[in-house]
C-alpha cells in the first residue's frame, strides 16, 4: 500500500507522527513516516556503494561544477570517484518521488526537523530526514542549497543565463576572457544541457497564465520582457498537460524536486556521460567532513557514510592523488577554512573564506491580480526585465511557491549588483566554521528593488505583498545563489588551482566573487568549470 502524507496526517495527527514541532525540533522520522518513505521511494534504502580506499581523483559534490569536472576528467582517462552527501533520487512519470512545497515532509529538507518556510506562506512541521533541499540559517540570511546527486540542478527553477560583458568584466577583473567564454564555454554548456526558452504553446497554456500576467504588468510600466533559457524538458511539461505524466512543473513543483524528470538535471547529461566512460563512480550519502594531506602527497578525506535520514552510519578515510572540491560555495568554503585554521592544510592563504555574497537575491510578490486564473501557477520561468535606473538589477517571472492554488499573487525573483560581502571564520568555541554576514547586509538589495517593484504594481492598479499571510513585498532574508568564499585569482590561480597546495582544485560557485552580474549563476559556474578543467587536463 502507498500512502500520501495528507492521508497520514489526517488519520494520525501531525504531533503524533513527528514529535516536537517547534522551530528547534530535530526529531527523526517516526517509524510510520519511515514506512511511507520506504514505500514511496524504496530506491533510497538500497545499500550504498562504498567509495574505494584510494582514487586517482576525487570530486567532492555533484552539482554543476563538480559534474562538469568529473565528466571531463573521466573522458581524459582519469579514474574518478565522486563523493556526494545526498541520496541518489530516482524519477518516475507517475510516482511522487519528492515532497511538494505546500505540504512538505522529510523528503523535502536536509537534516531539518520542525518548520522550514520557503516564501513566508504558512508551513507545516516536517520530520528530520535526508531530503534534497538544505536551508541553513546565518543571522539575517538563510542559504538554500541542493543535497542530492545532481546538486542544485534538482532544486533550482531552471533558469540559465550568461551575464553581460560589462558586469562579467567588473567581477572577474580580466582573469577570465569574456570573449573566450562566449565563443567556447557558454555554448558548450548550453548544448550539453539543451537550454531553450519556453515554447509558445506552453507559454499560452492555462498553468502559465501568471507568466503572461507578469509580462502584461511589466509592459504597462514601460519594460520589454525578454524570454529566458531554461533547463526544462518541455516534452515532459507537455506530457503533464496531456495527462501522460503526473503533474509536477505545471502545479508549481520545483524547489523540492520534480518527480517526473521535468527538469533535464545533471543526472541525465553530465553525470550520465561521466558514468558511461566506465572510469567514474558516483557514491551517494558520502559526506566529506575534513581534508588533510599525507606525507606522501596524497590527500586524505574524512568521510561519513550516511543512512537515508542523513544519520551517520560509519566514518572512514579515503585518499586521492588529485582533489577537486565542488561541494558548493558553502561546503567547499567550510572544508577549506576548517583545514587551514585547524592546521590540516596550513599553507592555504588568507583569502580562503573571503568574498562570499548572495548574488543580490530577493523574492518579490505583487498583490492579488484580477488577471490571474485562480487555479494553478506552474514553476518554469518565462521572461525577465532589466533596470539600470539605480543599482543594476533584474526581475524574473517566478511562481509563488507553497500554495496549492493560484492566489493570483504575482511573484518575481530579483537580483541586484550588490557589493555586500560576508566571510567564513573558524569559531574555536564551537569547533566549527560559521558564515559571518553583516546584520544590515540585505538592505541595499531591498532598497534597489522596491521602487521598481512598486512602480510595476502601481501601473497595474494592484498592491504589493500579501498581508493576510504575512508575505512581504520584498523578501531578502534568503539566497538561492550562494557564491564566493574561495575566490578565483585570490585564493586560487586563474583556473581554480588552490594556492599553497598543488593538485588541489576548486570547481564550483565558491570561485565566483559573490555575484554573477544580476543573473542566475548556474550557467557561469558550469562554463567556468569547462574552461578550468580543460586547462588542468592540458597541463597534466
Protein backbone atom coordinates (compact mmCIF):
# COMPACT_ATOMS: atom_id res chain seq x y z
CA UNK A 1 0.00 0.00 0.00
CA UNK A 2 1.22 3.51 -0.82
CA UNK A 3 0.13 6.37 1.41
CA UNK A 4 0.10 10.11 0.84
CA UNK A 5 1.35 12.43 3.54
CA UNK A 6 -2.09 14.03 3.67
CA UNK A 7 -3.67 10.65 4.47
CA UNK A 8 -1.16 10.04 7.22
CA UNK A 9 -1.59 13.45 8.77
CA UNK A 10 -5.35 13.28 8.61
CA UNK A 11 -5.52 9.84 10.18
CA UNK A 12 -2.80 10.09 12.81
CA UNK A 13 -2.22 13.79 13.56
CA UNK A 14 0.97 15.72 12.95
CA UNK A 15 2.27 15.75 16.51
CA UNK A 16 1.91 12.02 16.93
CA UNK A 17 3.98 11.39 13.82
CA UNK A 18 6.97 13.63 14.22
CA UNK A 19 7.06 14.62 17.89
CA UNK A 20 8.29 18.10 18.70
CA UNK A 21 7.34 20.62 16.02
CA UNK A 22 8.88 23.85 17.22
CA UNK A 23 11.49 25.73 15.20
CA UNK A 24 14.28 23.90 17.01
CA UNK A 25 12.80 20.45 16.61
CA UNK A 26 15.22 17.84 15.35
CA UNK A 27 13.13 14.66 15.59
CA UNK A 28 13.96 11.85 13.19
CA UNK A 29 11.31 10.29 11.02
CA UNK A 30 8.88 8.29 13.15
CA UNK A 31 8.53 4.63 12.12
CA UNK A 32 5.27 5.28 10.30
CA UNK A 33 6.83 8.03 8.18
CA UNK A 34 9.88 5.90 7.57
CA UNK A 35 7.46 3.32 6.23
CA UNK A 36 5.96 5.95 3.96
CA UNK A 37 9.35 6.82 2.51
CA UNK A 38 10.27 3.16 2.03
CA UNK A 39 7.02 2.63 0.15
CA UNK A 40 7.24 5.82 -1.94
CA UNK A 41 10.97 5.70 -2.73
CA UNK A 42 12.38 2.23 -2.00
CA UNK A 43 15.47 3.10 -4.05
CA UNK A 44 16.70 5.29 -1.18
CA UNK A 45 17.03 2.24 1.05
CA UNK A 46 19.25 0.20 -1.22
CA UNK A 47 22.73 -0.36 0.27
CA UNK A 48 25.17 2.39 -0.61
CA UNK A 49 28.23 1.57 -2.68
CA UNK A 50 31.33 2.42 -0.59
CA UNK A 51 33.95 4.56 -2.28
CA UNK A 52 37.35 2.97 -2.96
CA UNK A 53 40.06 3.44 -0.37
CA UNK A 54 42.24 5.30 -2.90
CA UNK A 55 41.39 7.09 -6.14
CA UNK A 56 43.38 8.82 -8.80
CA UNK A 57 40.99 11.79 -8.50
CA UNK A 58 38.19 12.57 -6.07
CA UNK A 59 35.47 15.10 -6.84
CA UNK A 60 33.55 16.26 -3.77
CA UNK A 61 29.97 17.16 -4.69
CA UNK A 62 27.90 16.56 -7.82
CA UNK A 63 26.43 19.93 -8.77
CA UNK A 64 27.20 21.94 -11.90
CA UNK A 65 30.93 22.48 -11.46
CA UNK A 66 31.55 19.03 -9.98
CA UNK A 67 29.58 17.21 -12.68
CA UNK A 68 31.43 19.00 -15.48
CA UNK A 69 34.77 18.24 -13.84
CA UNK A 70 34.02 14.56 -13.22
CA UNK A 71 32.93 14.01 -16.80
CA UNK A 72 35.88 15.74 -18.44
CA UNK A 73 38.42 14.01 -16.20
CA UNK A 74 36.89 10.59 -16.92
CA UNK A 75 36.81 11.30 -20.65
CA UNK A 76 40.52 12.19 -20.41
CA UNK A 77 41.27 8.74 -18.98
CA UNK A 78 41.39 9.63 -15.27
CA UNK A 79 39.81 7.27 -12.73
CA UNK A 80 37.35 9.47 -10.86
CA UNK A 81 35.43 8.99 -7.62
CA UNK A 82 32.55 11.38 -6.91
CA UNK A 83 31.50 11.77 -3.26
CA UNK A 84 28.04 13.28 -2.66
CA UNK A 85 26.42 13.78 0.76
CA UNK A 86 22.86 13.45 -0.54
CA UNK A 87 20.97 10.49 -1.91
CA UNK A 88 20.59 9.28 -5.48
CA UNK A 89 16.92 10.03 -6.18
CA UNK A 90 15.05 8.28 -9.00
CA UNK A 91 12.46 9.83 -11.30
CA UNK A 92 9.18 8.32 -12.38
CA UNK A 93 6.37 9.69 -14.56
CA UNK A 94 3.68 8.53 -12.12
CA UNK A 95 5.11 8.26 -8.62
CA UNK A 96 5.52 11.20 -6.27
CA UNK A 97 9.20 10.74 -5.50
CA UNK A 98 9.71 14.11 -3.83
CA UNK A 99 7.68 16.14 -1.39
CA UNK A 100 5.92 19.30 -2.53
CA UNK A 101 6.15 22.90 -1.34
CA UNK A 102 2.60 23.08 0.01
CA UNK A 103 2.69 20.01 2.24
CA UNK A 104 6.36 19.05 2.67
CA UNK A 105 7.67 16.09 4.63
CA UNK A 106 11.17 14.88 5.46
CA UNK A 107 11.97 14.21 1.81
CA UNK A 108 12.00 17.97 1.35
CA UNK A 109 14.69 19.17 3.73
CA UNK A 110 18.20 18.15 4.63
CA UNK A 111 18.54 17.34 8.34
CA UNK A 112 15.92 19.85 9.36
CA UNK A 113 13.11 18.98 11.75
CA UNK A 114 10.42 21.47 12.66
CA UNK A 115 9.29 24.08 10.16
CA UNK A 116 11.16 25.38 7.14
CA UNK A 117 9.34 28.18 5.29
CA UNK A 118 10.38 28.92 1.73
CA UNK A 119 8.49 32.10 0.95
CA UNK A 120 6.59 33.21 4.04
CA UNK A 121 3.47 31.23 3.21
CA UNK A 122 2.20 29.04 6.08
CA UNK A 123 4.31 25.94 6.69
CA UNK A 124 3.68 22.59 8.32
CA UNK A 125 6.07 20.67 10.60
CA UNK A 126 8.47 18.24 8.99
CA UNK A 127 10.47 15.36 10.35
CA UNK A 128 14.25 15.16 10.20
CA UNK A 129 15.40 13.26 7.11
CA UNK A 130 17.96 13.38 4.32
CA UNK A 131 15.83 15.48 1.98
CA UNK A 132 17.13 17.25 -1.11
CA UNK A 133 16.83 20.91 -0.04
CA UNK A 134 19.29 22.34 2.50
CA UNK A 135 18.14 25.52 4.28
CA UNK A 136 20.77 26.87 6.68
CA UNK A 137 20.43 30.00 8.83
CA UNK A 138 23.16 32.59 9.31
CA UNK A 139 21.84 35.60 11.20
CA UNK A 140 19.80 37.71 8.81
CA UNK A 141 20.36 35.44 5.79
CA UNK A 142 19.14 31.91 5.04
CA UNK A 143 21.06 29.94 2.42
CA UNK A 144 19.39 27.45 0.07
CA UNK A 145 21.44 24.59 -1.39
CA UNK A 146 20.90 21.21 -3.01
CA UNK A 147 21.67 17.96 -1.18
CA UNK A 148 21.39 15.14 -3.70
CA UNK A 149 23.25 13.54 -6.57
CA UNK A 150 22.92 16.30 -9.16
CA UNK A 151 23.15 19.08 -6.56
CA UNK A 152 21.39 22.32 -7.32
CA UNK A 153 20.16 21.12 -10.71
CA UNK A 154 17.38 19.25 -8.89
CA UNK A 155 16.12 22.15 -6.78
CA UNK A 156 16.61 25.35 -8.81
CA UNK A 157 13.97 26.93 -11.06
CA UNK A 158 15.91 26.03 -14.19
CA UNK A 159 16.97 29.48 -15.42
CA UNK A 160 20.42 29.63 -17.04
CA UNK A 161 21.63 32.99 -18.38
CA UNK A 162 25.05 34.45 -19.21
CA UNK A 163 25.86 37.88 -17.72
CA UNK A 164 26.51 40.94 -19.82
CA UNK A 165 30.14 41.73 -20.63
CA UNK A 166 30.19 44.90 -18.51
CA UNK A 167 29.24 43.01 -15.35
CA UNK A 168 31.36 39.94 -16.13
CA UNK A 169 34.50 42.05 -16.61
CA UNK A 170 33.77 44.03 -13.47
CA UNK A 171 33.56 40.82 -11.43
CA UNK A 172 36.43 38.83 -12.95
CA UNK A 173 38.75 41.82 -13.50
CA UNK A 174 40.43 40.42 -16.60
CA UNK A 175 41.26 36.98 -15.14
CA UNK A 176 38.71 35.30 -17.40
CA UNK A 177 38.16 36.28 -21.03
CA UNK A 178 34.53 37.09 -21.76
CA UNK A 179 35.17 36.53 -25.47
CA UNK A 180 36.51 33.03 -24.77
CA UNK A 181 33.54 32.20 -22.53
CA UNK A 182 31.06 33.40 -25.16
CA UNK A 183 32.82 31.66 -28.03
CA UNK A 184 33.53 28.30 -26.35
CA UNK A 185 32.30 27.53 -22.89
CA UNK A 186 28.83 29.07 -22.64
CA UNK A 187 27.77 27.50 -25.99
CA UNK A 188 29.15 24.11 -24.92
CA UNK A 189 27.13 24.09 -21.70
CA UNK A 190 24.01 25.32 -23.49
CA UNK A 191 24.33 22.43 -25.92
CA UNK A 192 25.00 19.77 -23.26
CA UNK A 193 22.04 20.92 -21.16
CA UNK A 194 19.72 21.52 -24.13
CA UNK A 195 18.84 25.00 -22.88
CA UNK A 196 15.85 26.61 -24.55
CA UNK A 197 13.27 29.32 -23.88
CA UNK A 198 9.71 28.40 -23.06
CA UNK A 199 7.88 27.30 -26.24
CA UNK A 200 4.93 29.43 -27.30
CA UNK A 201 2.35 26.66 -26.85
CA UNK A 202 3.48 26.14 -23.27
CA UNK A 203 3.52 29.89 -22.59
CA UNK A 204 -0.06 30.21 -23.84
CA UNK A 205 -1.39 27.34 -21.70
CA UNK A 206 -3.52 27.76 -18.58
CA UNK A 207 -0.82 26.85 -15.98
CA UNK A 208 1.29 29.74 -17.29
CA UNK A 209 -1.40 32.40 -17.01
CA UNK A 210 0.67 34.07 -14.28
CA UNK A 211 3.63 34.31 -16.71
CA UNK A 212 1.50 36.17 -19.23
CA UNK A 213 0.08 38.40 -16.47
CA UNK A 214 3.64 39.14 -15.32
CA UNK A 215 4.58 40.21 -18.86
CA UNK A 216 1.46 42.38 -19.18
CA UNK A 217 2.23 44.15 -15.91
CA UNK A 218 5.87 44.95 -16.69
CA UNK A 219 4.88 46.23 -20.14
CA UNK A 220 2.44 48.66 -18.52
CA UNK A 221 5.40 50.01 -16.53
CA UNK A 222 7.44 50.56 -19.69
CA UNK A 223 9.59 47.42 -19.75
CA UNK A 224 10.04 44.90 -22.55
CA UNK A 225 10.19 41.34 -21.20
CA UNK A 226 12.83 39.07 -22.71
CA UNK A 227 12.44 35.29 -22.94
CA UNK A 228 14.99 33.33 -20.91
CA UNK A 229 16.65 29.96 -21.40
CA UNK A 230 15.83 27.11 -19.07
CA UNK A 231 16.85 23.52 -18.35
CA UNK A 232 13.29 22.20 -18.55
CA UNK A 233 12.34 19.21 -20.65
CA UNK A 234 9.43 20.83 -22.42
CA UNK A 235 8.17 17.49 -23.78
CA UNK A 236 7.71 16.29 -20.20
CA UNK A 237 5.89 19.52 -19.34
CA UNK A 238 3.61 18.99 -22.33
CA UNK A 239 3.11 15.41 -21.18
CA UNK A 240 1.91 16.69 -17.82
CA UNK A 241 -0.69 18.86 -19.52
CA UNK A 242 -1.77 15.95 -21.74
CA UNK A 243 -2.13 13.55 -18.80
CA UNK A 244 0.79 11.32 -19.79
CA UNK A 245 2.67 12.14 -16.58
CA UNK A 246 1.82 13.05 -13.02
CA UNK A 247 1.61 16.88 -12.82
CA UNK A 248 4.71 18.46 -11.35
CA UNK A 249 6.08 21.54 -13.15
CA UNK A 250 2.57 22.69 -14.06
CA UNK A 251 1.44 22.65 -10.39
CA UNK A 252 4.38 24.64 -9.06
CA UNK A 253 6.82 21.91 -8.04
CA UNK A 254 10.48 22.86 -8.42
CA UNK A 255 12.25 23.86 -5.19
CA UNK A 256 11.84 20.38 -3.73
CA UNK A 257 12.42 18.46 -6.96
CA UNK A 258 10.37 17.30 -9.94
CA UNK A 259 9.49 13.65 -9.55
CA UNK A 260 8.80 13.05 -13.24
CA UNK A 261 12.07 14.41 -14.65
CA UNK A 262 10.58 17.67 -15.89
CA UNK A 263 14.00 19.23 -15.33
CA UNK A 264 16.81 17.98 -17.56
CA UNK A 265 19.02 17.79 -14.47
CA UNK A 266 22.67 16.75 -14.29
CA UNK A 267 21.83 13.07 -13.76
CA UNK A 268 20.64 12.98 -17.37
CA UNK A 269 23.62 14.64 -19.04
CA UNK A 270 26.99 15.37 -17.44
CA UNK A 271 26.79 12.73 -14.70
CA UNK A 272 25.33 10.13 -17.05
CA UNK A 273 28.15 10.79 -19.52
CA UNK A 274 30.76 10.53 -16.74
CA UNK A 275 29.38 7.14 -15.68
CA UNK A 276 29.24 5.96 -19.30
CA UNK A 277 33.02 6.25 -19.63
CA UNK A 278 33.43 3.35 -17.19
CA UNK A 279 36.02 5.43 -15.33
CA UNK A 280 33.76 7.40 -12.98
CA UNK A 281 31.85 6.07 -9.97
CA UNK A 282 29.38 8.21 -8.02
CA UNK A 283 28.88 7.45 -4.33
CA UNK A 284 25.77 8.88 -2.70
CA UNK A 285 25.48 9.53 1.04
CA UNK A 286 29.24 10.08 1.43
CA UNK A 287 29.71 13.32 3.37
CA UNK A 288 33.24 14.73 3.46
CA UNK A 289 33.88 16.42 6.81
CA UNK A 290 37.64 17.10 6.71
CA UNK A 291 40.57 17.26 4.30
CA UNK A 292 44.29 16.97 5.00
CA UNK A 293 47.44 15.93 3.19
CA UNK A 294 49.64 12.97 3.96
CA UNK A 295 53.43 12.97 3.96
CA UNK A 296 53.44 11.13 0.61
CA UNK A 297 51.49 13.96 -1.04
CA UNK A 298 48.15 12.18 -1.19
CA UNK A 299 45.06 13.99 0.03
CA UNK A 300 43.21 12.28 2.86
CA UNK A 301 39.47 12.82 3.34
CA UNK A 302 37.38 12.01 6.39
CA UNK A 303 34.06 10.69 5.10
CA UNK A 304 30.83 9.95 6.97
CA UNK A 305 28.65 7.26 5.39
CA UNK A 306 25.01 8.18 5.93
CA UNK A 307 21.67 6.41 6.07
CA UNK A 308 18.62 7.82 4.21
CA UNK A 309 17.83 10.03 7.23
CA UNK A 310 21.32 11.56 6.88
CA UNK A 311 22.39 9.99 10.18
CA UNK A 312 25.97 8.75 10.35
CA UNK A 313 26.39 5.00 9.93
CA UNK A 314 30.18 4.93 9.99
CA UNK A 315 33.24 7.08 9.35
CA UNK A 316 36.23 6.18 7.21
CA UNK A 317 39.19 7.72 5.44
CA UNK A 318 39.77 7.75 1.69
CA UNK A 319 42.75 9.13 -0.20
CA UNK A 320 43.43 10.53 -3.66
CA UNK A 321 46.20 11.98 -5.77
CA UNK A 322 44.16 14.94 -7.07
CA UNK A 323 41.30 16.57 -5.19
CA UNK A 324 38.56 18.66 -6.80
CA UNK A 325 36.20 20.45 -4.42
CA UNK A 326 32.72 21.02 -5.85
CA UNK A 327 30.60 20.94 -2.70
CA UNK A 328 29.08 24.33 -3.44
CA UNK A 329 30.08 27.70 -2.06
CA UNK A 330 29.04 26.71 1.46
CA UNK A 331 30.54 23.22 1.54
CA UNK A 332 33.81 23.99 -0.20
CA UNK A 333 34.45 27.15 1.81
CA UNK A 334 33.77 25.39 5.10
CA UNK A 335 36.09 22.50 4.26
CA UNK A 336 39.00 24.77 3.36
CA UNK A 337 38.59 27.23 6.25
CA UNK A 338 38.42 24.26 8.62
CA UNK A 339 41.52 22.74 7.00
CA UNK A 340 43.54 25.96 7.18
CA UNK A 341 42.59 27.06 10.68
CA UNK A 342 42.99 23.64 12.30
CA UNK A 343 46.36 23.03 10.66
CA UNK A 344 45.22 20.28 8.30
CA UNK A 345 46.19 22.37 5.24
CA UNK A 346 48.21 25.16 6.84
CA UNK A 347 49.51 26.74 3.64
CA UNK A 348 46.12 27.96 2.41
CA UNK A 349 46.22 31.74 2.14
CA UNK A 350 44.30 34.47 3.94
CA UNK A 351 41.78 34.84 1.10
CA UNK A 352 40.21 31.44 1.79
CA UNK A 353 36.82 32.15 3.36
CA UNK A 354 36.54 35.69 1.97
CA UNK A 355 34.36 37.30 -0.71
CA UNK A 356 31.07 35.47 -0.07
CA UNK A 357 27.84 37.02 -1.39
CA UNK A 358 24.18 36.33 -2.08
CA UNK A 359 24.10 37.28 -5.79
CA UNK A 360 21.78 40.11 -4.66
CA UNK A 361 18.80 37.71 -4.43
CA UNK A 362 15.28 38.59 -3.36
CA UNK A 363 11.76 37.24 -3.79
CA UNK A 364 9.07 39.79 -4.62
CA UNK A 365 5.29 39.50 -4.59
CA UNK A 366 2.71 41.78 -6.12
CA UNK A 367 -0.82 41.72 -4.71
CA UNK A 368 -3.82 39.81 -5.97
CA UNK A 369 -4.40 40.43 -9.66
CA UNK A 370 -7.82 40.14 -11.32
CA UNK A 371 -5.99 38.76 -14.36
CA UNK A 372 -4.94 35.53 -12.60
CA UNK A 373 -6.66 32.20 -13.28
CA UNK A 374 -7.23 31.27 -9.64
CA UNK A 375 -6.32 27.65 -10.35
CA UNK A 376 -2.58 26.97 -10.51
CA UNK A 377 0.84 28.53 -11.16
CA UNK A 378 3.46 26.49 -12.99
CA UNK A 379 7.08 26.73 -11.84
CA UNK A 380 9.18 27.33 -15.01
CA UNK A 381 10.12 30.97 -15.65
CA UNK A 382 9.31 32.59 -18.97
CA UNK A 383 10.87 36.05 -19.07
CA UNK A 384 12.86 38.78 -17.37
CA UNK A 385 13.43 42.54 -17.38
CA UNK A 386 16.44 44.70 -16.56
CA UNK A 387 16.63 48.10 -14.88
CA UNK A 388 19.64 50.42 -14.62
CA UNK A 389 17.89 53.45 -13.10
CA UNK A 390 19.67 52.80 -9.79
CA UNK A 391 21.76 49.81 -8.80
CA UNK A 392 21.67 47.47 -11.82
CA UNK A 393 19.03 44.79 -11.29
CA UNK A 394 16.85 42.24 -12.99
CA UNK A 395 13.44 40.77 -12.24
CA UNK A 396 12.45 37.32 -13.47
CA UNK A 397 8.98 35.93 -13.85
CA UNK A 398 8.53 33.50 -10.96
CA UNK A 399 5.77 31.46 -9.43
CA UNK A 400 4.66 31.78 -5.79
CA UNK A 401 5.84 28.56 -4.09
CA UNK A 402 3.97 26.90 -1.28
CA UNK A 403 0.39 27.44 -2.44
CA UNK A 404 -1.85 24.61 -3.71
CA UNK A 405 -3.83 27.05 -5.87
CA UNK A 406 -3.18 30.28 -7.71
CA UNK A 407 -3.92 33.03 -5.19
CA UNK A 408 -3.48 35.43 -8.14
CA UNK A 409 -0.36 36.80 -6.48
CA UNK A 410 2.41 37.59 -8.97
CA UNK A 411 5.93 36.56 -7.98
CA UNK A 412 9.35 37.67 -9.17
CA UNK A 413 12.92 36.70 -8.44
CA UNK A 414 15.09 39.78 -8.17
CA UNK A 415 18.88 40.00 -8.49
CA UNK A 416 20.89 43.16 -7.81
CA UNK A 417 24.53 44.08 -8.42
CA UNK A 418 25.26 44.41 -4.71
CA UNK A 419 28.81 44.71 -3.29
CA UNK A 420 27.91 43.46 0.21
CA UNK A 421 30.09 40.51 1.24
CA UNK A 422 30.39 38.08 4.13
CA UNK A 423 33.14 35.74 5.24
CA UNK A 424 33.66 32.28 6.69
CA UNK A 425 35.52 32.11 10.01
CA UNK A 426 36.67 29.36 12.33
CA UNK A 427 34.91 29.53 15.70
CA UNK A 428 37.14 27.91 18.29
CA UNK A 429 34.39 27.89 20.91
CA UNK A 430 32.17 25.63 18.81
CA UNK A 431 34.97 23.97 16.84
CA UNK A 432 33.12 24.77 13.63
CA UNK A 433 33.12 27.17 10.68
CA UNK A 434 30.47 29.87 10.65
CA UNK A 435 29.36 32.36 8.00
CA UNK A 436 29.54 35.96 9.19
CA UNK A 437 27.04 38.08 7.27
CA UNK A 438 26.51 41.79 8.04
CA UNK A 439 23.38 42.35 10.12
CA UNK A 440 22.21 45.01 7.65
CA UNK A 441 23.62 43.12 4.67
CA UNK A 442 20.26 42.76 2.90
CA UNK A 443 19.15 46.39 2.95
CA UNK A 444 20.84 47.59 -0.26
CA UNK A 445 19.10 44.85 -2.27
CA UNK A 446 15.62 45.66 -0.94
CA UNK A 447 16.22 49.41 -1.36
CA UNK A 448 17.15 48.88 -5.02
CA UNK A 449 14.27 46.55 -5.87
CA UNK A 450 11.37 48.17 -4.00
CA UNK A 451 10.87 51.31 -6.15
CA UNK A 452 10.94 49.27 -9.38
CA UNK A 453 8.52 46.73 -7.96
CA UNK A 454 6.21 49.43 -6.58
CA UNK A 455 6.11 51.18 -9.96
CA UNK A 456 5.12 47.98 -11.76
CA UNK A 457 2.35 47.29 -9.24
CA UNK A 458 1.08 50.88 -9.33
CA UNK A 459 0.79 50.88 -13.13
CA UNK A 460 -1.47 47.81 -12.89
CA UNK A 461 -3.51 49.17 -10.01
CA UNK A 462 -2.55 46.46 -7.53
CA UNK A 463 -0.74 46.34 -4.22
CA UNK A 464 2.45 44.63 -3.13
CA UNK A 465 2.97 41.75 -0.73
CA UNK A 466 0.10 39.84 0.84
CA UNK A 467 -0.53 40.92 4.46
CA UNK A 468 -3.19 38.26 5.24
CA UNK A 469 -0.47 35.60 5.01
CA UNK A 470 2.36 37.91 6.16
CA UNK A 471 4.03 37.68 2.75
CA UNK A 472 6.35 40.70 2.34
CA UNK A 473 6.63 42.76 -0.83
CA UNK A 474 10.41 42.23 -0.98
CA UNK A 475 11.97 39.28 0.84
CA UNK A 476 15.76 39.47 1.11
CA UNK A 477 16.05 37.01 4.00
CA UNK A 478 17.41 34.22 1.77
CA UNK A 479 19.71 33.44 -1.11
CA UNK A 480 19.28 30.62 -3.59
CA UNK A 481 22.62 31.55 -5.17
CA UNK A 482 25.43 31.47 -2.57
CA UNK A 483 28.71 32.44 -4.23
CA UNK A 484 32.31 33.01 -3.21
CA UNK A 485 34.47 32.00 -0.28
CA UNK A 486 37.41 30.70 -2.37
CA UNK A 487 37.54 33.42 -4.99
CA UNK A 488 39.30 32.93 -8.31
CA UNK A 489 42.59 34.82 -8.52
CA UNK A 490 42.74 35.38 -4.75
CA UNK A 491 42.53 32.01 -3.01
CA UNK A 492 43.28 30.19 -6.29
CA UNK A 493 45.06 30.85 -9.54
CA UNK A 494 43.13 31.88 -12.66
CA UNK A 495 41.94 28.29 -13.22
CA UNK A 496 40.80 27.26 -9.75
CA UNK A 497 44.06 25.63 -8.57
CA UNK A 498 44.27 26.42 -4.86
CA UNK A 499 47.30 28.48 -3.88
CA UNK A 500 49.62 26.86 -1.37
CA UNK A 501 48.77 23.23 -2.20
CA UNK A 502 49.33 21.62 -5.57
CA UNK A 503 46.82 19.14 -7.04
CA UNK A 504 44.02 20.78 -5.05
CA UNK A 505 41.28 22.47 -7.08
CA UNK A 506 38.01 24.35 -6.54
CA UNK A 507 35.44 23.83 -9.30
CA UNK A 508 32.16 25.35 -8.04
CA UNK A 509 30.45 28.62 -7.13
CA UNK A 510 32.99 29.29 -4.37
CA UNK A 511 35.25 30.65 -7.13
CA UNK A 512 32.80 33.40 -8.11
CA UNK A 513 33.16 36.69 -6.17
CA UNK A 514 29.71 36.91 -4.61
CA UNK A 515 27.76 37.74 -7.77
CA UNK A 516 27.37 36.72 -11.40
CA UNK A 517 26.20 40.12 -12.57
CA UNK A 518 22.44 40.13 -11.84
CA UNK A 519 21.80 36.73 -13.45
CA UNK A 520 21.34 33.20 -12.12
CA UNK A 521 24.84 31.71 -11.66
CA UNK A 522 24.49 28.07 -12.78
CA UNK A 523 25.44 28.66 -16.43
CA UNK A 524 28.56 30.60 -15.45
CA UNK A 525 29.54 28.00 -12.81
CA UNK A 526 29.29 25.21 -15.40
CA UNK A 527 31.03 27.18 -18.17
CA UNK A 528 33.83 28.26 -15.84
CA UNK A 529 34.30 24.61 -14.84
CA UNK A 530 34.54 23.65 -18.53
CA UNK A 531 37.19 26.34 -19.05
CA UNK A 532 39.21 25.46 -15.97
CA UNK A 533 39.22 21.69 -16.32
CA UNK A 534 40.27 21.95 -19.97
CA UNK A 535 43.39 23.83 -18.86
CA UNK A 536 44.07 21.48 -15.95
CA UNK A 537 43.85 18.43 -18.25
CA UNK A 538 46.03 20.07 -20.88
CA UNK A 539 48.64 20.89 -18.25
CA UNK A 540 48.76 17.28 -16.99
